[in-house]
Amino acid sequence: MTEERTMRIGEVTERTELSFRTLRHYDEIGLVTPSARTDGGFRLYTESDVSRILLIRRMKPLGYSLDEMRELLDVVDALAARPGDAELRARLETIRAEAAERRAKLSRQVAMADEFLEQLTDI
């Protein structure tokens, strides 16, 4: 059996573009708990941990709260254990639809920002 490679928090901050403070906060509130710690107490993350962090990072621009992020992660974790659960699949589809609505709103906001920049250029 091979052991999964672990990374210290510095490498994870570089890969995720999140701060040390943010990653520590996620750990403190139980959103993303590192898979291991060194004997000295330093956090050690796996690729699975980084994937989870990147999922959260992708939710941030869409305005998800920490509680909403936790809810999604709970659904993802439950689906990993029970992939055929129809209720969980329905909840994931609801989350997906909500994310699409949030993305559409963000796209409209970016379009307005582009119009604003164009107006500033025309002045």
Protein backbone atom coordinates (compact mmCIF):
# COMPACT_ATOMS: atom_id res chain seq x y z
CA MET A 1 0.00 0.00 0.00
CA THR A 2 1.40 3.40 -0.98
CA GLU A 3 0.82 6.41 1.18
CA GLU A 4 -0.64 9.53 -0.44
CA ARG A 5 1.80 12.43 -0.76
CA THR A 6 1.19 15.25 1.67
CA MET A 7 1.88 18.97 1.37
CA ARG A 8 2.48 21.62 3.94
CA ILE A 9 0.25 24.65 4.09
CA GLY A 10 2.68 26.84 2.12
CA GLU A 11 2.44 24.62 -0.94
CA VAL A 12 -1.34 24.53 -0.61
CA THR A 13 -1.55 28.33 -0.43
CA GLU A 14 0.46 28.56 -3.66
CA ARG A 15 -1.71 25.99 -5.44
CA THR A 16 -5.05 27.38 -4.28
CA GLU A 17 -4.20 31.11 -4.16
CA LEU A 18 -5.74 31.27 -0.70
CA SER A 19 -4.00 32.73 2.31
CA PHE A 20 -2.52 30.88 5.27
CA ARG A 21 -5.14 32.63 7.39
CA THR A 22 -8.01 31.38 5.22
CA LEU A 23 -6.78 27.78 5.26
CA ARG A 24 -6.30 27.90 9.02
CA HIS A 25 -9.79 29.33 9.41
CA TYR A 26 -11.29 26.56 7.26
CA ASP A 27 -9.54 24.06 9.54
CA GLU A 28 -10.70 25.78 12.73
CA ILE A 29 -14.35 25.77 11.64
CA GLY A 30 -14.16 22.23 10.26
CA LEU A 31 -14.76 23.15 6.63
CA VAL A 32 -11.53 21.52 5.42
CA THR A 33 -9.54 19.55 7.94
CA PRO A 34 -6.03 18.58 6.84
CA SER A 35 -5.60 14.83 6.50
CA ALA A 36 -2.63 14.75 8.86
CA ARG A 37 -0.27 16.75 11.04
CA THR A 38 3.45 16.50 11.60
CA ASP A 39 4.80 15.60 15.02
CA GLY A 40 5.28 19.34 15.47
CA GLY A 41 1.62 20.05 14.71
CA PHE A 42 2.03 21.44 11.19
CA ARG A 43 -0.92 20.81 8.88
CA LEU A 44 -0.42 18.27 6.09
CA TYR A 45 -2.77 18.25 3.11
CA THR A 46 -3.38 15.59 0.47
CA GLU A 47 -4.53 16.00 -3.13
CA SER A 48 -8.05 15.20 -1.92
CA ASP A 49 -7.82 18.04 0.59
CA VAL A 50 -6.61 20.41 -2.14
CA SER A 51 -9.50 19.35 -4.41
CA ARG A 52 -11.92 20.14 -1.59
CA ILE A 53 -10.28 23.54 -1.03
CA LEU A 54 -10.45 24.32 -4.76
CA LEU A 55 -14.15 23.45 -4.79
CA ILE A 56 -14.67 25.97 -1.99
CA ARG A 57 -12.51 28.54 -3.78
CA ARG A 58 -14.67 28.23 -6.86
CA MET A 59 -17.78 28.91 -4.77
CA LYS A 60 -16.44 32.16 -3.33
CA PRO A 61 -16.98 34.38 -6.41
CA LEU A 62 -20.57 33.20 -6.52
CA GLY A 63 -21.18 34.57 -3.04
CA TYR A 64 -21.66 31.33 -1.12
CA SER A 65 -21.59 31.65 2.66
CA LEU A 66 -19.49 29.30 4.77
CA ASP A 67 -22.68 27.49 5.82
CA GLU A 68 -23.71 27.03 2.19
CA MET A 69 -20.22 25.75 1.37
CA ARG A 70 -20.46 23.29 4.25
CA GLU A 71 -23.87 22.11 3.02
CA LEU A 72 -22.49 21.40 -0.44
CA LEU A 73 -19.48 19.57 1.00
CA ASP A 74 -21.79 17.50 3.18
CA VAL A 75 -23.79 16.50 0.10
CA VAL A 76 -20.61 15.66 -1.83
CA ASP A 77 -19.29 13.58 1.09
CA ALA A 78 -22.60 11.77 1.48
CA LEU A 79 -22.76 11.02 -2.25
CA ALA A 80 -19.27 9.52 -2.10
CA ALA A 81 -20.61 7.07 0.48
CA ARG A 82 -24.04 6.59 -1.16
CA PRO A 83 -23.74 7.42 -4.88
CA GLY A 84 -27.18 6.08 -5.75
CA ASP A 85 -29.08 8.08 -3.13
CA ALA A 86 -31.88 9.82 -5.06
CA GLU A 87 -32.52 12.42 -2.34
CA LEU A 88 -28.85 13.45 -2.31
CA ARG A 89 -28.80 13.57 -6.12
CA ALA A 90 -31.87 15.83 -6.07
CA ARG A 91 -30.21 18.11 -3.50
CA LEU A 92 -27.08 18.29 -5.65
CA GLU A 93 -29.19 19.20 -8.67
CA THR A 94 -30.85 21.99 -6.66
CA ILE A 95 -27.41 23.30 -5.66
CA ARG A 96 -26.28 23.09 -9.31
CA ALA A 97 -29.33 25.10 -10.45
CA GLU A 98 -28.70 27.72 -7.75
CA ALA A 99 -25.06 27.94 -8.84
CA ALA A 100 -26.15 28.50 -12.45
CA GLU A 101 -28.41 31.35 -11.31
CA ARG A 102 -25.57 32.89 -9.32
CA ARG A 103 -23.25 32.59 -12.31
CA ALA A 104 -25.79 34.29 -14.57
CA LYS A 105 -26.08 37.15 -12.10
CA LEU A 106 -22.30 37.46 -11.94
CA SER A 107 -22.13 37.51 -15.75
CA ARG A 108 -24.64 40.37 -15.81
CA GLN A 109 -22.53 42.26 -13.26
CA VAL A 110 -19.37 41.76 -15.35
CA ALA A 111 -21.22 43.02 -18.43
CA MET A 112 -22.26 46.15 -16.50
CA ALA A 113 -18.66 46.64 -15.36
CA ASP A 114 -17.50 46.35 -18.98
CA GLU A 115 -20.06 48.97 -20.03
CA PHE A 116 -18.86 51.25 -17.25
CA LEU A 117 -15.24 50.90 -18.35
CA GLU A 118 -16.26 51.65 -21.94
CA GLN A 119 -18.12 54.77 -20.79
CA LEU A 120 -15.03 55.94 -18.93
CA THR A 121 -12.99 55.48 -22.08
CA ASP A 122 -15.48 57.58 -24.07
CA ILE A 123 -15.29 60.55 -21.69
